[in-house]
Amino acid sequence: MTVLDDRALNRAGLARQHLLTRADASVPEAVAHLCGMQAQEPQEPFIGLWSRLSGFTPGQLDEAMTGRTVVRTHLMRRTVHLVTAGDALAWRARHDSMLRGRVLGTYRRELAGIDLDEVAAAGRAVMADQRPRTMRELVQALEDRWPGPPRRVLGELVVAALVPMVQLPPRGLWRQSAGVRNVPLASWLGRDIDPLPAGDDDPVGRQLVRRYLAAHGPAAGADLRAWCGLTGLPAAVRAVREELVVCRDARGRELFDLPDAPRPHPDTPAPVRFLPAFDNVLLGYHDRSRIVDAAHLGVSVAGHRTVLVDGRVAATWAVRDDRLRVSPLRRLTTLEEDEVRAEARELAAFLDERIEHLHIDSVA
């Protein structure tokens, strides 16, 4: 059986994430290929797309959101994701149990004794007029009936788990700091969410497996679960296993992949890339050793923006006080530092935030 070391897995993942070569694709095409983009921080997808698409401009994403071809909604891992309209409608029902379970797991004591189906029905009734509401406005309509849970918990239960919602623009538009206004997903997109099929058939699960591998493979079942938060996918993996190739990583884990997906040579050059907080390439795996050293795993979950050098996380970056500051996690060679500076200048021009200085910290 073929064994792929971390460098081979790294190059495969970067190729599929459009981080070896910027892709000539539209925003909806890119978001679909990536299986969505983590968007808890509203401005971060702009940076993620700039690093992946040739000629990307913020207006392209703004147009996709206002034109309803991509939406902001709670989905994978119960976090806000930017996904295409089609994927939101196709995948939401498959995520229902996970979304409920994660809210209950977080607020089990606060929600003890509450019938979630009753809360869901009441939430749908409130939103039936299709008027956009903030979470506060939604909770105000429900709290007399359920006065026990804290307002924040009741609101998160309805918005993030029980009633499929979209966060409306201008939330998530370029340089907008608008608050969250929610409207039902189906009313925003003009058609009902796809129902789960009856019985044991799981076409959505099989699609998720294939789509995930196209964007993140080769990967193990644990990586797939870490990306989407869903249980029950082993059966979907088994259902498509005959379509897949199987290999192992250097630690002996069994990995699956699509047979025709790109797996570049491990020595393929990887350009410097500046990534947003919570980027797919970091959060798409349970085992992140292909992209980040064990000593720096915390940057992938702490919300740091990161810099890839030779395909791996080598620095964090931030913009403060008109300065783009890069903080290396290891010593950079002179050539690497030059490449970081060159890409940073391009990023500064894209951000256009009156960035007047670029500083690379020294490493003790």
Protein backbone atom coordinates (compact mmCIF):
# COMPACT_ATOMS: atom_id res chain seq x y z
CA MET A 1 0.00 0.00 0.00
CA THR A 2 1.28 3.46 -0.89
CA VAL A 3 2.61 5.50 2.03
CA LEU A 4 2.40 9.30 1.79
CA ASP A 5 4.57 11.35 4.12
CA ASP A 6 3.55 14.74 5.49
CA ARG A 7 5.17 16.61 2.62
CA ALA A 8 3.27 14.59 0.01
CA LEU A 9 0.02 15.13 1.91
CA ASN A 10 0.84 18.80 2.25
CA ARG A 11 1.25 19.32 -1.47
CA ALA A 12 -1.92 17.37 -2.24
CA GLY A 13 -3.92 19.49 0.20
CA LEU A 14 -2.47 22.76 -1.06
CA ALA A 15 -3.22 21.84 -4.66
CA ARG A 16 -6.86 21.13 -3.88
CA GLN A 17 -7.20 24.27 -1.78
CA HIS A 18 -5.92 26.43 -4.68
CA LEU A 19 -2.88 27.38 -2.60
CA LEU A 20 -0.20 26.12 -4.97
CA THR A 21 -1.56 28.11 -7.90
CA ARG A 22 -4.32 30.67 -7.75
CA ALA A 23 -7.35 29.40 -9.62
CA ASP A 24 -9.21 31.11 -12.43
CA ALA A 25 -12.67 30.51 -10.96
CA SER A 26 -15.69 32.51 -9.92
CA VAL A 27 -16.51 33.03 -6.25
CA PRO A 28 -19.44 30.55 -6.28
CA GLU A 29 -17.28 27.97 -8.08
CA ALA A 30 -14.48 28.38 -5.56
CA VAL A 31 -16.76 28.29 -2.52
CA ALA A 32 -18.44 25.15 -3.88
CA HIS A 33 -15.10 23.46 -4.57
CA LEU A 34 -13.87 24.27 -1.07
CA CYS A 35 -17.09 22.87 0.45
CA GLY A 36 -17.67 26.23 2.06
CA MET A 37 -15.43 28.59 4.01
CA GLN A 38 -15.42 29.20 7.74
CA ALA A 39 -16.89 32.68 8.19
CA GLN A 40 -17.36 33.25 11.91
CA GLU A 41 -15.21 36.35 11.46
CA PRO A 42 -17.09 38.12 8.65
CA GLN A 43 -14.14 39.66 6.79
CA GLU A 44 -11.90 36.58 6.75
CA PRO A 45 -13.35 34.89 3.62
CA PHE A 46 -12.16 37.85 1.54
CA ILE A 47 -8.56 37.09 2.52
CA GLY A 48 -9.05 33.37 1.93
CA LEU A 49 -10.38 33.98 -1.56
CA TRP A 50 -7.69 36.53 -2.39
CA SER A 51 -5.05 33.92 -1.58
CA ARG A 52 -6.78 31.35 -3.79
CA LEU A 53 -8.21 33.14 -6.83
CA SER A 54 -6.47 35.07 -9.57
CA GLY A 55 -7.84 38.58 -10.01
CA PHE A 56 -10.15 38.35 -7.00
CA THR A 57 -11.79 41.60 -5.90
CA PRO A 58 -14.01 42.12 -2.83
CA GLY A 59 -16.92 43.15 -5.02
CA GLN A 60 -17.10 39.64 -6.46
CA LEU A 61 -17.92 38.16 -3.05
CA ASP A 62 -20.25 41.02 -2.20
CA GLU A 63 -22.15 40.37 -5.44
CA ALA A 64 -22.39 36.65 -4.72
CA MET A 65 -23.88 37.33 -1.28
CA THR A 66 -26.32 40.03 -2.32
CA GLY A 67 -27.22 37.96 -5.39
CA ARG A 68 -27.97 34.97 -3.11
CA THR A 69 -25.61 32.54 -4.83
CA VAL A 70 -23.65 32.18 -1.58
CA VAL A 71 -25.01 32.52 1.96
CA ARG A 72 -23.80 32.79 5.54
CA THR A 73 -25.34 30.10 7.73
CA HIS A 74 -24.56 27.78 10.63
CA LEU A 75 -23.44 24.45 9.24
CA MET A 76 -20.22 22.46 9.69
CA ARG A 77 -19.16 22.14 13.34
CA ARG A 78 -22.01 24.54 14.30
CA THR A 79 -19.96 27.48 13.07
CA VAL A 80 -20.96 30.13 10.57
CA HIS A 81 -19.88 29.10 7.08
CA LEU A 82 -20.01 30.75 3.70
CA VAL A 83 -21.52 28.14 1.38
CA THR A 84 -23.25 28.13 -1.97
CA ALA A 85 -27.03 28.33 -2.01
CA GLY A 86 -27.25 24.83 -3.48
CA ASP A 87 -25.03 23.30 -0.82
CA ALA A 88 -26.89 25.06 1.99
CA LEU A 89 -30.18 23.61 0.78
CA ALA A 90 -28.76 20.14 0.10
CA TRP A 91 -26.72 19.77 3.29
CA ARG A 92 -28.73 21.49 6.01
CA ALA A 93 -31.09 18.61 6.88
CA ARG A 94 -28.11 16.23 7.08
CA HIS A 95 -26.62 18.54 9.74
CA ASP A 96 -29.75 18.95 11.88
CA SER A 97 -28.96 16.28 14.47
CA MET A 98 -25.39 17.45 14.85
CA LEU A 99 -26.44 21.09 15.30
CA ARG A 100 -28.97 20.19 17.97
CA GLY A 101 -26.54 17.86 19.69
CA ARG A 102 -23.78 20.44 19.86
CA VAL A 103 -26.03 23.11 21.35
CA LEU A 104 -27.34 20.60 23.90
CA GLY A 105 -23.81 19.47 24.68
CA THR A 106 -22.83 23.04 25.45
CA TYR A 107 -25.98 24.09 27.34
CA ARG A 108 -27.38 20.83 28.67
CA ARG A 109 -28.09 22.20 32.13
CA GLU A 110 -29.67 25.43 30.88
CA LEU A 111 -31.92 23.53 28.44
CA ALA A 112 -32.93 20.67 30.75
CA GLY A 113 -36.61 19.79 30.45
CA ILE A 114 -37.23 21.90 27.36
CA ASP A 115 -38.93 20.27 24.38
CA LEU A 116 -36.76 21.27 21.43
CA ASP A 117 -39.44 20.44 18.89
CA GLU A 118 -41.81 22.88 20.59
CA VAL A 119 -39.15 25.59 20.57
CA ALA A 120 -38.45 24.89 16.90
CA ALA A 121 -42.13 25.14 15.98
CA ALA A 122 -42.45 28.41 17.89
CA GLY A 123 -39.34 29.80 16.23
CA ARG A 124 -40.66 28.93 12.78
CA ALA A 125 -43.98 30.56 13.61
CA VAL A 126 -42.28 33.78 14.66
CA MET A 127 -40.23 33.85 11.46
CA ALA A 128 -43.16 32.89 9.21
CA ASP A 129 -43.65 36.51 8.16
CA GLN A 130 -40.12 36.37 6.67
CA ARG A 131 -39.17 39.64 8.37
CA PRO A 132 -35.47 39.80 9.22
CA ARG A 133 -34.85 39.71 12.95
CA THR A 134 -31.89 40.02 15.22
CA MET A 135 -31.37 37.28 17.76
CA ARG A 136 -32.56 39.67 20.44
CA GLU A 137 -35.83 40.32 18.60
CA LEU A 138 -36.39 36.60 18.13
CA VAL A 139 -35.75 35.87 21.79
CA GLN A 140 -38.12 38.64 22.85
CA ALA A 141 -40.88 36.84 20.95
CA LEU A 142 -40.15 33.55 22.72
CA GLU A 143 -38.90 34.32 26.21
CA ASP A 144 -42.32 34.61 27.88
CA ARG A 145 -42.99 30.99 26.96
CA TRP A 146 -39.50 29.81 27.93
CA PRO A 147 -38.30 32.16 30.68
CA GLY A 148 -35.81 29.69 32.16
CA PRO A 149 -32.81 29.62 29.80
CA PRO A 150 -30.56 32.68 29.52
CA ARG A 151 -31.59 34.81 26.57
CA ARG A 152 -28.33 34.12 24.75
CA VAL A 153 -28.79 30.35 25.10
CA LEU A 154 -32.38 30.43 23.84
CA GLY A 155 -31.38 32.59 20.89
CA GLU A 156 -28.43 30.42 19.94
CA LEU A 157 -30.59 27.31 20.17
CA VAL A 158 -33.12 28.68 17.68
CA VAL A 159 -30.77 30.46 15.28
CA ALA A 160 -27.86 28.01 15.22
CA ALA A 161 -29.70 24.71 15.49
CA LEU A 162 -33.48 24.56 15.29
CA VAL A 163 -34.52 26.94 12.49
CA PRO A 164 -32.28 27.03 9.39
CA MET A 165 -31.34 30.68 9.02
CA VAL A 166 -29.30 32.95 6.79
CA GLN A 167 -27.37 35.95 8.08
CA LEU A 168 -28.42 38.73 5.74
CA PRO A 169 -26.18 41.26 4.04
CA PRO A 170 -24.75 43.77 4.82
CA ARG A 171 -23.35 41.36 7.40
CA GLY A 172 -20.28 39.82 5.77
CA LEU A 173 -19.88 42.40 3.03
CA TRP A 174 -16.51 44.06 2.43
CA ARG A 175 -15.61 46.45 5.25
CA GLN A 176 -19.10 46.28 6.73
CA SER A 177 -19.54 45.95 10.47
CA ALA A 178 -23.29 45.32 10.38
CA GLY A 179 -24.94 43.24 13.07
CA VAL A 180 -26.60 39.90 12.45
CA ARG A 181 -30.10 39.88 11.03
CA ASN A 182 -31.62 36.46 10.43
CA VAL A 183 -34.19 35.21 7.96
CA PRO A 184 -35.22 31.61 7.20
CA LEU A 185 -32.91 29.94 4.68
CA ALA A 186 -35.77 28.64 2.55
CA SER A 187 -37.46 32.02 2.23
CA TRP A 188 -34.20 33.79 1.33
CA LEU A 189 -33.43 31.25 -1.40
CA GLY A 190 -36.97 30.76 -2.62
CA ARG A 191 -37.29 27.01 -2.16
CA ASP A 192 -37.50 24.44 0.60
CA ILE A 193 -34.51 22.71 2.11
CA ASP A 194 -33.91 19.27 0.64
CA PRO A 195 -35.41 16.64 2.97
CA LEU A 196 -33.47 13.65 4.20
CA PRO A 197 -34.39 10.52 2.25
CA ALA A 198 -36.34 7.83 4.02
CA GLY A 199 -34.61 4.67 5.15
CA ASP A 200 -30.91 3.97 5.37
CA ASP A 201 -29.96 5.51 2.05
CA ASP A 202 -27.60 8.48 2.55
CA PRO A 203 -26.86 10.20 -0.76
CA VAL A 204 -25.97 13.44 1.04
CA GLY A 205 -23.41 11.61 3.16
CA ARG A 206 -21.87 10.03 0.09
CA GLN A 207 -21.73 13.40 -1.63
CA LEU A 208 -20.05 14.94 1.42
CA VAL A 209 -17.37 12.24 1.35
CA ARG A 210 -16.58 12.83 -2.31
CA ARG A 211 -16.68 16.61 -2.03
CA TYR A 212 -14.52 16.63 1.08
CA LEU A 213 -11.86 14.47 -0.54
CA ALA A 214 -11.86 16.67 -3.64
CA ALA A 215 -11.06 19.66 -1.44
CA HIS A 216 -8.98 18.11 1.35
CA GLY A 217 -7.88 14.58 0.49
CA PRO A 218 -6.16 12.26 0.97
CA ALA A 219 -7.74 11.99 4.42
CA ALA A 220 -8.89 9.60 7.10
CA GLY A 221 -12.39 9.16 8.44
CA ALA A 222 -11.39 11.10 11.57
CA ASP A 223 -10.36 14.03 9.38
CA LEU A 224 -13.75 14.02 7.66
CA ARG A 225 -15.55 14.05 11.03
CA ALA A 226 -13.35 16.85 12.33
CA TRP A 227 -14.18 18.97 9.29
CA CYS A 228 -17.96 18.64 9.34
CA GLY A 229 -18.76 17.50 12.88
CA LEU A 230 -21.08 14.76 11.63
CA THR A 231 -21.33 11.25 12.96
CA GLY A 232 -22.64 8.37 10.90
CA LEU A 233 -20.35 9.01 7.96
CA PRO A 234 -18.41 5.72 8.18
CA ALA A 235 -21.36 4.10 6.42
CA ALA A 236 -21.10 6.69 3.64
CA VAL A 237 -17.37 6.02 3.34
CA ARG A 238 -18.05 2.29 3.06
CA ALA A 239 -20.70 2.95 0.42
CA VAL A 240 -18.23 4.77 -1.85
CA ARG A 241 -15.12 2.83 -0.89
CA GLU A 242 -14.94 0.97 -4.18
CA GLU A 243 -14.65 4.35 -5.94
CA LEU A 244 -11.68 5.41 -3.79
CA VAL A 245 -7.99 4.69 -3.61
CA VAL A 246 -6.53 3.76 -0.24
CA CYS A 247 -3.11 4.65 1.13
CA ARG A 248 -1.46 5.27 4.50
CA ASP A 249 0.30 8.18 6.13
CA ALA A 250 3.65 7.99 7.91
CA ARG A 251 1.89 7.13 11.19
CA GLY A 252 0.07 4.18 9.63
CA ARG A 253 -3.40 5.75 9.39
CA GLU A 254 -5.57 4.52 6.53
CA LEU A 255 -6.35 7.36 4.13
CA PHE A 256 -8.92 7.58 1.36
CA ASP A 257 -8.84 9.61 -1.82
CA LEU A 258 -10.47 10.13 -5.18
CA PRO A 259 -8.50 8.26 -7.84
CA ASP A 260 -8.07 11.21 -10.22
CA ALA A 261 -7.50 13.95 -7.65
CA PRO A 262 -4.20 15.86 -7.85
CA ARG A 263 -1.31 14.52 -5.79
CA PRO A 264 1.68 16.66 -6.81
CA HIS A 265 5.25 15.54 -6.30
CA PRO A 266 6.38 16.33 -2.74
CA ASP A 267 9.11 18.62 -4.11
CA THR A 268 6.63 20.84 -5.93
CA PRO A 269 7.38 24.45 -4.92
CA ALA A 270 4.80 26.01 -2.61
CA PRO A 271 4.58 29.82 -2.70
CA VAL A 272 4.11 31.98 0.37
CA ARG A 273 0.43 32.38 1.18
CA PHE A 274 -1.24 34.62 3.78
CA LEU A 275 -4.27 32.89 5.28
CA PRO A 276 -7.26 34.22 7.24
CA ALA A 277 -8.24 33.13 10.71
CA PHE A 278 -9.74 29.64 10.92
CA ASP A 279 -8.80 28.76 7.35
CA ASN A 280 -10.03 25.51 5.75
CA VAL A 281 -6.54 24.18 5.28
CA LEU A 282 -6.03 24.24 9.05
CA LEU A 283 -9.46 23.21 10.32
CA GLY A 284 -10.18 20.60 7.66
CA TYR A 285 -8.32 17.79 9.43
CA HIS A 286 -8.15 15.96 12.73
CA ASP A 287 -4.45 15.30 12.16
CA ARG A 288 -2.99 18.66 11.13
CA SER A 289 0.63 17.52 11.01
CA ARG A 290 0.62 17.89 7.20
CA ILE A 291 0.32 21.67 7.55
CA VAL A 292 1.46 22.78 11.02
CA ASP A 293 4.06 21.61 13.53
CA ALA A 294 2.82 20.12 16.80
CA ALA A 295 4.33 23.01 18.77
CA HIS A 296 2.14 25.48 16.89
CA LEU A 297 -1.17 23.63 16.74
CA GLY A 298 -2.76 26.29 18.92
CA VAL A 299 -2.65 28.89 16.16
CA SER A 300 -5.20 26.91 14.16
CA VAL A 301 -7.91 27.21 16.82
CA ALA A 302 -6.98 30.50 18.49
CA GLY A 303 -8.02 32.71 15.60
CA HIS A 304 -4.55 33.72 14.44
CA ARG A 305 -4.07 34.64 10.81
CA THR A 306 -1.20 32.54 9.50
CA VAL A 307 1.49 32.56 6.84
CA LEU A 308 2.46 29.47 4.87
CA VAL A 309 6.13 29.22 3.92
CA ASP A 310 7.11 26.17 1.89
CA GLY A 311 3.56 24.98 2.44
CA ARG A 312 3.58 24.97 6.24
CA VAL A 313 2.52 27.39 8.94
CA ALA A 314 5.63 29.44 9.63
CA ALA A 315 4.29 32.73 10.97
CA THR A 316 1.24 34.65 12.11
CA TRP A 317 0.24 38.08 10.85
CA ALA A 318 -1.93 41.01 11.83
CA VAL A 319 -2.68 44.58 10.79
CA ARG A 320 -2.53 47.18 13.55
CA ASP A 321 -1.84 50.91 13.54
CA ASP A 322 -1.20 51.09 9.79
CA ARG A 323 1.33 48.27 10.04
CA LEU A 324 1.22 44.76 8.63
CA ARG A 325 3.19 42.76 11.16
CA VAL A 326 4.47 39.25 10.54
CA SER A 327 5.54 37.19 13.56
CA PRO A 328 7.60 34.15 12.50
CA LEU A 329 7.26 30.91 14.42
CA ARG A 330 10.69 29.79 13.22
CA ARG A 331 13.71 31.43 11.69
CA LEU A 332 13.18 32.37 8.06
CA THR A 333 15.98 32.19 5.53
CA THR A 334 16.87 35.35 3.66
CA LEU A 335 15.10 34.03 0.56
CA GLU A 336 12.00 33.07 2.58
CA GLU A 337 11.89 36.50 4.22
CA ASP A 338 12.11 38.16 0.81
CA GLU A 339 9.22 36.03 -0.44
CA VAL A 340 7.16 36.85 2.65
CA ARG A 341 7.80 40.56 2.14
CA ALA A 342 6.79 40.37 -1.51
CA GLU A 343 3.51 38.60 -0.79
CA ALA A 344 2.84 40.90 2.16
CA ARG A 345 3.13 43.94 -0.11
CA GLU A 346 0.56 42.38 -2.46
CA LEU A 347 -1.74 41.67 0.48
CA ALA A 348 -1.37 45.23 1.77
CA ALA A 349 -2.38 46.56 -1.64
CA PHE A 350 -5.44 44.29 -1.60
CA LEU A 351 -6.49 45.28 1.91
CA ASP A 352 -5.96 48.96 1.09
CA GLU A 353 -6.11 49.89 4.77
CA ARG A 354 -3.53 52.70 4.55
CA ILE A 355 -0.86 50.22 5.52
CA GLU A 356 2.29 52.26 5.57
CA HIS A 357 4.73 49.85 7.18
CA LEU A 358 5.62 46.19 6.93
CA HIS A 359 7.47 44.65 9.85
CA ILE A 360 8.78 41.11 10.25
CA ASP A 361 9.59 40.30 13.88
CA SER A 362 12.82 38.56 14.77
CA VAL A 363 12.85 35.10 16.31
CA ALA A 364 14.87 34.69 19.50
